[in-house]
């Protein structure tokens, strides 16, 4: 039986499906002890009372690490659209997996 996360990812078009799977594997590798679940209708990881969510959209992938984390990476995120707790990675540009790794590590103090 497939998980709700796998089902969510499988329903997406390409390249969203591929990017979501890479983000999922990246976070699983960084946070193997985290609980993976659906939250607000999108995939998330929860650990130590903190959650990070990610989602597919037509033209971008959304990452939701919370406002405090976004502020810490404000300079590196200058080329991306951000909102209070959201980072939008456009699908017509390379996805910065190294930056996503550092964001996840920062959020969970895994540096």
N, C-alpha and C. Protein backbone atom coordinates (compact mmCIF):
# COMPACT_ATOMS: atom_id res chain seq x y z
N UNK A 1 0.85 -1.19 0.00
CA UNK A 1 0.00 0.00 0.00
C UNK A 1 0.88 1.25 0.00
N UNK A 2 0.55 2.18 -0.85
CA UNK A 2 1.39 3.38 -0.91
C UNK A 2 0.93 4.39 0.13
N UNK A 3 1.86 5.20 0.56
CA UNK A 3 1.57 6.21 1.58
C UNK A 3 0.87 7.41 0.94
N UNK A 4 0.21 8.23 1.74
CA UNK A 4 -0.40 9.45 1.20
C UNK A 4 0.63 10.37 0.52
N UNK A 5 1.86 10.37 1.03
CA UNK A 5 2.92 11.20 0.42
C UNK A 5 3.26 10.67 -0.97
N UNK A 6 3.44 9.36 -1.06
CA UNK A 6 3.75 8.75 -2.37
C UNK A 6 2.63 9.01 -3.36
N UNK A 7 1.39 8.91 -2.90
CA UNK A 7 0.24 9.16 -3.76
C UNK A 7 0.23 10.61 -4.23
N UNK A 8 0.47 11.55 -3.32
CA UNK A 8 0.52 12.97 -3.67
C UNK A 8 1.57 13.22 -4.75
N UNK A 9 2.76 12.69 -4.54
CA UNK A 9 3.85 12.89 -5.51
C UNK A 9 3.51 12.25 -6.85
N UNK A 10 2.97 11.04 -6.81
CA UNK A 10 2.65 10.31 -8.05
C UNK A 10 1.59 11.03 -8.89
N UNK A 11 0.74 11.80 -8.26
CA UNK A 11 -0.33 12.52 -8.98
C UNK A 11 0.17 13.76 -9.71
N UNK A 12 1.39 14.19 -9.42
CA UNK A 12 1.92 15.42 -10.00
C UNK A 12 2.46 15.17 -11.41
N UNK A 13 2.49 16.23 -12.19
CA UNK A 13 3.11 16.18 -13.52
C UNK A 13 4.62 16.25 -13.35
N UNK A 14 5.34 16.05 -14.45
CA UNK A 14 6.77 16.30 -14.46
C UNK A 14 6.95 17.77 -14.87
N UNK A 15 7.91 18.48 -14.38
CA UNK A 15 9.02 18.03 -13.52
C UNK A 15 8.68 18.05 -12.03
N UNK A 16 7.46 18.49 -11.66
CA UNK A 16 7.10 18.59 -10.24
C UNK A 16 7.33 17.26 -9.51
N UNK A 17 6.91 16.17 -10.12
CA UNK A 17 7.03 14.86 -9.48
C UNK A 17 8.49 14.54 -9.14
N UNK A 18 9.37 14.76 -10.08
CA UNK A 18 10.79 14.48 -9.87
C UNK A 18 11.38 15.37 -8.78
N UNK A 19 11.05 16.65 -8.80
CA UNK A 19 11.58 17.59 -7.80
C UNK A 19 11.05 17.24 -6.41
N UNK A 20 9.77 16.96 -6.29
CA UNK A 20 9.20 16.59 -5.00
C UNK A 20 9.88 15.34 -4.44
N UNK A 21 10.11 14.36 -5.30
CA UNK A 21 10.75 13.12 -4.84
C UNK A 21 12.18 13.40 -4.36
N UNK A 22 12.89 14.26 -5.07
CA UNK A 22 14.26 14.61 -4.65
C UNK A 22 14.24 15.34 -3.31
N UNK A 23 13.30 16.27 -3.13
CA UNK A 23 13.20 16.99 -1.85
C UNK A 23 12.84 16.01 -0.74
N UNK A 24 11.92 15.10 -1.02
CA UNK A 24 11.53 14.09 -0.02
C UNK A 24 12.74 13.27 0.42
N UNK A 25 13.50 12.78 -0.55
CA UNK A 25 14.68 11.96 -0.24
C UNK A 25 15.75 12.76 0.49
N UNK A 26 15.91 14.01 0.10
CA UNK A 26 16.88 14.89 0.75
C UNK A 26 16.53 15.04 2.23
N UNK A 27 15.26 15.36 2.51
CA UNK A 27 14.86 15.57 3.91
C UNK A 27 14.89 14.25 4.68
N UNK A 28 14.49 13.15 4.06
CA UNK A 28 14.58 11.85 4.73
C UNK A 28 16.01 11.54 5.12
N UNK A 29 16.95 11.87 4.26
CA UNK A 29 18.37 11.64 4.54
C UNK A 29 18.89 12.50 5.68
N UNK A 30 18.40 13.74 5.75
CA UNK A 30 18.84 14.67 6.80
C UNK A 30 18.15 14.40 8.13
N UNK A 31 16.90 13.95 8.07
CA UNK A 31 16.08 13.78 9.27
C UNK A 31 15.45 12.38 9.30
N UNK A 32 16.26 11.34 9.36
CA UNK A 32 15.69 9.98 9.29
C UNK A 32 14.71 9.67 10.42
N UNK A 33 14.83 10.39 11.53
CA UNK A 33 13.94 10.15 12.66
C UNK A 33 12.64 10.95 12.59
N UNK A 34 12.48 11.80 11.58
CA UNK A 34 11.29 12.65 11.46
C UNK A 34 10.08 11.83 11.02
N UNK A 35 8.92 12.29 11.46
CA UNK A 35 7.65 11.69 11.05
C UNK A 35 7.22 12.35 9.74
N UNK A 36 6.95 11.53 8.75
CA UNK A 36 6.50 12.03 7.46
C UNK A 36 4.98 11.91 7.43
N UNK A 37 4.31 13.01 7.07
CA UNK A 37 2.85 12.97 7.04
C UNK A 37 2.31 14.09 6.15
N UNK A 38 1.02 14.00 5.86
CA UNK A 38 0.36 15.07 5.14
C UNK A 38 -0.07 16.12 6.15
N UNK A 39 0.12 17.38 5.81
CA UNK A 39 -0.28 18.48 6.67
C UNK A 39 -0.81 19.59 5.76
N UNK A 40 -1.99 20.05 6.03
CA UNK A 40 -2.63 21.06 5.18
C UNK A 40 -2.72 20.58 3.73
N UNK A 41 -2.85 19.27 3.53
CA UNK A 41 -3.01 18.71 2.20
C UNK A 41 -1.73 18.55 1.40
N UNK A 42 -0.57 18.79 2.03
CA UNK A 42 0.70 18.65 1.34
C UNK A 42 1.68 17.85 2.20
N UNK A 43 2.74 17.29 1.58
CA UNK A 43 3.71 16.51 2.34
C UNK A 43 4.46 17.36 3.37
N UNK A 44 4.77 16.73 4.49
CA UNK A 44 5.55 17.42 5.51
C UNK A 44 6.38 16.43 6.31
N UNK A 45 7.36 16.97 7.00
CA UNK A 45 8.16 16.22 7.96
C UNK A 45 8.02 16.93 9.29
N UNK A 46 7.85 16.15 10.36
CA UNK A 46 7.71 16.73 11.70
C UNK A 46 8.73 16.09 12.61
N UNK A 47 9.43 16.93 13.35
CA UNK A 47 10.45 16.47 14.28
C UNK A 47 10.60 17.51 15.38
N UNK A 48 10.63 17.06 16.61
CA UNK A 48 10.83 17.95 17.76
C UNK A 48 9.84 19.11 17.77
N UNK A 49 8.60 18.83 17.39
CA UNK A 49 7.57 19.87 17.40
C UNK A 49 7.64 20.86 16.26
N UNK A 50 8.57 20.67 15.32
CA UNK A 50 8.72 21.57 14.17
C UNK A 50 8.36 20.83 12.89
N UNK A 51 7.73 21.53 11.97
CA UNK A 51 7.37 20.94 10.68
C UNK A 51 7.96 21.74 9.54
N UNK A 52 8.25 21.02 8.46
CA UNK A 52 8.62 21.66 7.21
C UNK A 52 7.76 21.02 6.14
N UNK A 53 7.11 21.84 5.34
CA UNK A 53 6.20 21.35 4.32
C UNK A 53 6.76 21.69 2.95
N UNK A 54 6.32 20.93 1.94
CA UNK A 54 6.70 21.21 0.56
C UNK A 54 5.54 20.82 -0.34
N UNK A 55 5.39 21.50 -1.47
CA UNK A 55 4.23 21.29 -2.31
C UNK A 55 4.51 21.64 -3.77
N UNK A 56 3.71 21.03 -4.65
CA UNK A 56 3.84 21.29 -6.08
C UNK A 56 2.78 22.27 -6.55
N UNK A 57 3.19 23.15 -7.44
CA UNK A 57 2.29 24.08 -8.09
C UNK A 57 2.61 24.06 -9.58
N UNK A 58 1.80 24.73 -10.37
CA UNK A 58 1.99 24.70 -11.82
C UNK A 58 3.38 25.16 -12.25
N UNK A 59 3.85 26.27 -11.67
CA UNK A 59 5.11 26.86 -12.12
C UNK A 59 6.22 26.87 -11.09
N UNK A 60 5.95 26.33 -9.90
CA UNK A 60 6.98 26.35 -8.87
C UNK A 60 6.76 25.23 -7.85
N UNK A 61 7.78 25.03 -7.03
CA UNK A 61 7.69 24.16 -5.87
C UNK A 61 7.74 25.07 -4.66
N UNK A 62 6.81 24.88 -3.74
CA UNK A 62 6.79 25.67 -2.52
C UNK A 62 7.46 24.92 -1.39
N UNK A 63 8.25 25.64 -0.63
CA UNK A 63 8.88 25.10 0.57
C UNK A 63 8.46 26.01 1.71
N UNK A 64 8.06 25.40 2.83
CA UNK A 64 7.50 26.15 3.94
C UNK A 64 8.28 25.87 5.22
N UNK A 65 9.41 26.56 5.41
CA UNK A 65 10.25 26.31 6.59
C UNK A 65 9.96 27.22 7.78
N UNK A 66 9.07 28.19 7.66
CA UNK A 66 8.70 29.18 8.67
C UNK A 66 9.51 30.48 8.49
N UNK A 67 8.91 31.60 8.88
CA UNK A 67 9.50 32.93 8.62
C UNK A 67 10.90 33.13 9.18
N UNK A 68 11.17 32.63 10.39
CA UNK A 68 12.47 32.87 11.01
C UNK A 68 13.60 32.28 10.17
N UNK A 69 13.37 31.11 9.60
CA UNK A 69 14.39 30.45 8.77
C UNK A 69 14.58 31.22 7.47
N UNK A 70 13.49 31.67 6.88
CA UNK A 70 13.58 32.44 5.64
C UNK A 70 14.40 33.71 5.87
N UNK A 71 14.19 34.37 7.00
CA UNK A 71 14.95 35.58 7.31
C UNK A 71 16.45 35.31 7.37
N UNK A 72 16.83 34.17 7.93
CA UNK A 72 18.25 33.83 8.04
C UNK A 72 18.91 33.65 6.67
N UNK A 73 18.13 33.24 5.67
CA UNK A 73 18.66 32.99 4.34
C UNK A 73 18.24 34.06 3.34
N UNK A 74 17.85 35.21 3.85
CA UNK A 74 17.30 36.28 3.03
C UNK A 74 18.19 36.65 1.84
N UNK A 75 19.50 36.76 2.04
CA UNK A 75 20.39 37.13 0.93
C UNK A 75 20.41 36.05 -0.14
N UNK A 76 20.54 34.79 0.29
CA UNK A 76 20.58 33.69 -0.69
C UNK A 76 19.25 33.49 -1.39
N UNK A 77 18.17 33.94 -0.77
CA UNK A 77 16.84 33.79 -1.35
C UNK A 77 16.40 35.01 -2.14
N UNK A 78 17.30 35.97 -2.32
CA UNK A 78 16.95 37.23 -2.99
C UNK A 78 16.41 37.00 -4.41
N UNK A 79 16.85 35.95 -5.08
CA UNK A 79 16.39 35.68 -6.44
C UNK A 79 15.13 34.84 -6.51
N UNK A 80 14.55 34.55 -5.35
CA UNK A 80 13.35 33.72 -5.30
C UNK A 80 12.23 34.52 -4.66
N UNK A 81 11.01 34.23 -5.07
CA UNK A 81 9.86 34.86 -4.45
C UNK A 81 9.64 34.23 -3.08
N UNK A 82 9.53 35.06 -2.07
CA UNK A 82 9.26 34.57 -0.73
C UNK A 82 8.08 35.35 -0.15
N UNK A 83 7.41 34.73 0.79
CA UNK A 83 6.35 35.38 1.54
C UNK A 83 6.62 35.05 3.00
N UNK A 84 5.71 35.34 3.87
CA UNK A 84 5.95 35.18 5.30
C UNK A 84 6.61 33.85 5.67
N UNK A 85 6.06 32.75 5.24
CA UNK A 85 6.64 31.45 5.58
C UNK A 85 6.90 30.58 4.38
N UNK A 86 6.96 31.19 3.20
CA UNK A 86 7.00 30.45 1.94
C UNK A 86 8.19 30.84 1.07
N UNK A 87 8.76 29.83 0.43
CA UNK A 87 9.77 30.07 -0.61
C UNK A 87 9.25 29.40 -1.87
N UNK A 88 9.27 30.13 -2.97
CA UNK A 88 8.85 29.56 -4.25
C UNK A 88 10.07 29.35 -5.13
N UNK A 89 10.30 28.07 -5.50
CA UNK A 89 11.39 27.73 -6.41
C UNK A 89 10.78 27.50 -7.79
N UNK A 90 11.02 28.42 -8.73
CA UNK A 90 10.42 28.28 -10.07
C UNK A 90 10.96 27.05 -10.79
N UNK A 91 10.07 26.41 -11.53
CA UNK A 91 10.44 25.18 -12.22
C UNK A 91 11.23 25.43 -13.50
N UNK A 92 11.31 26.69 -13.93
CA UNK A 92 12.07 26.99 -15.15
C UNK A 92 13.54 27.33 -14.83
N UNK A 93 13.92 27.16 -13.57
CA UNK A 93 15.32 27.36 -13.15
C UNK A 93 15.76 26.11 -12.40
N UNK A 94 17.08 25.88 -12.32
CA UNK A 94 17.54 24.72 -11.53
C UNK A 94 17.12 24.85 -10.07
N UNK A 95 16.67 23.76 -9.50
CA UNK A 95 16.26 23.76 -8.08
C UNK A 95 17.53 23.74 -7.23
N UNK A 96 17.67 24.66 -6.27
CA UNK A 96 18.89 24.74 -5.46
C UNK A 96 18.86 23.75 -4.28
N UNK A 97 19.10 22.48 -4.58
CA UNK A 97 19.02 21.45 -3.54
C UNK A 97 20.02 21.70 -2.41
N UNK A 98 21.18 22.28 -2.75
CA UNK A 98 22.17 22.57 -1.70
C UNK A 98 21.62 23.61 -0.73
N UNK A 99 20.91 24.61 -1.24
CA UNK A 99 20.29 25.63 -0.39
C UNK A 99 19.16 25.01 0.44
N UNK A 100 18.37 24.16 -0.16
CA UNK A 100 17.29 23.48 0.57
C UNK A 100 17.89 22.65 1.71
N UNK A 101 19.01 21.99 1.44
CA UNK A 101 19.69 21.19 2.48
C UNK A 101 20.08 22.08 3.65
N UNK A 102 20.67 23.23 3.37
CA UNK A 102 21.10 24.13 4.45
C UNK A 102 19.91 24.71 5.21
N UNK A 103 18.82 24.97 4.51
CA UNK A 103 17.60 25.48 5.16
C UNK A 103 17.06 24.43 6.14
N UNK A 104 16.99 23.19 5.70
CA UNK A 104 16.49 22.10 6.56
C UNK A 104 17.42 21.91 7.76
N UNK A 105 18.72 21.90 7.51
CA UNK A 105 19.68 21.75 8.62
C UNK A 105 19.54 22.88 9.62
N UNK A 106 19.39 24.11 9.13
CA UNK A 106 19.23 25.26 10.02
C UNK A 106 17.96 25.14 10.86
N UNK A 107 16.88 24.79 10.21
CA UNK A 107 15.60 24.70 10.92
C UNK A 107 15.66 23.69 12.05
N UNK A 108 16.37 22.59 11.81
CA UNK A 108 16.43 21.51 12.81
C UNK A 108 17.77 21.47 13.55
N UNK A 109 18.54 22.54 13.46
CA UNK A 109 19.82 22.62 14.18
C UNK A 109 20.71 21.41 13.91
N UNK A 110 20.84 21.05 12.63
CA UNK A 110 21.65 19.88 12.25
C UNK A 110 22.97 20.28 11.62
N UNK A 111 23.41 21.50 11.87
CA UNK A 111 24.67 21.98 11.27
C UNK A 111 25.89 21.36 11.92
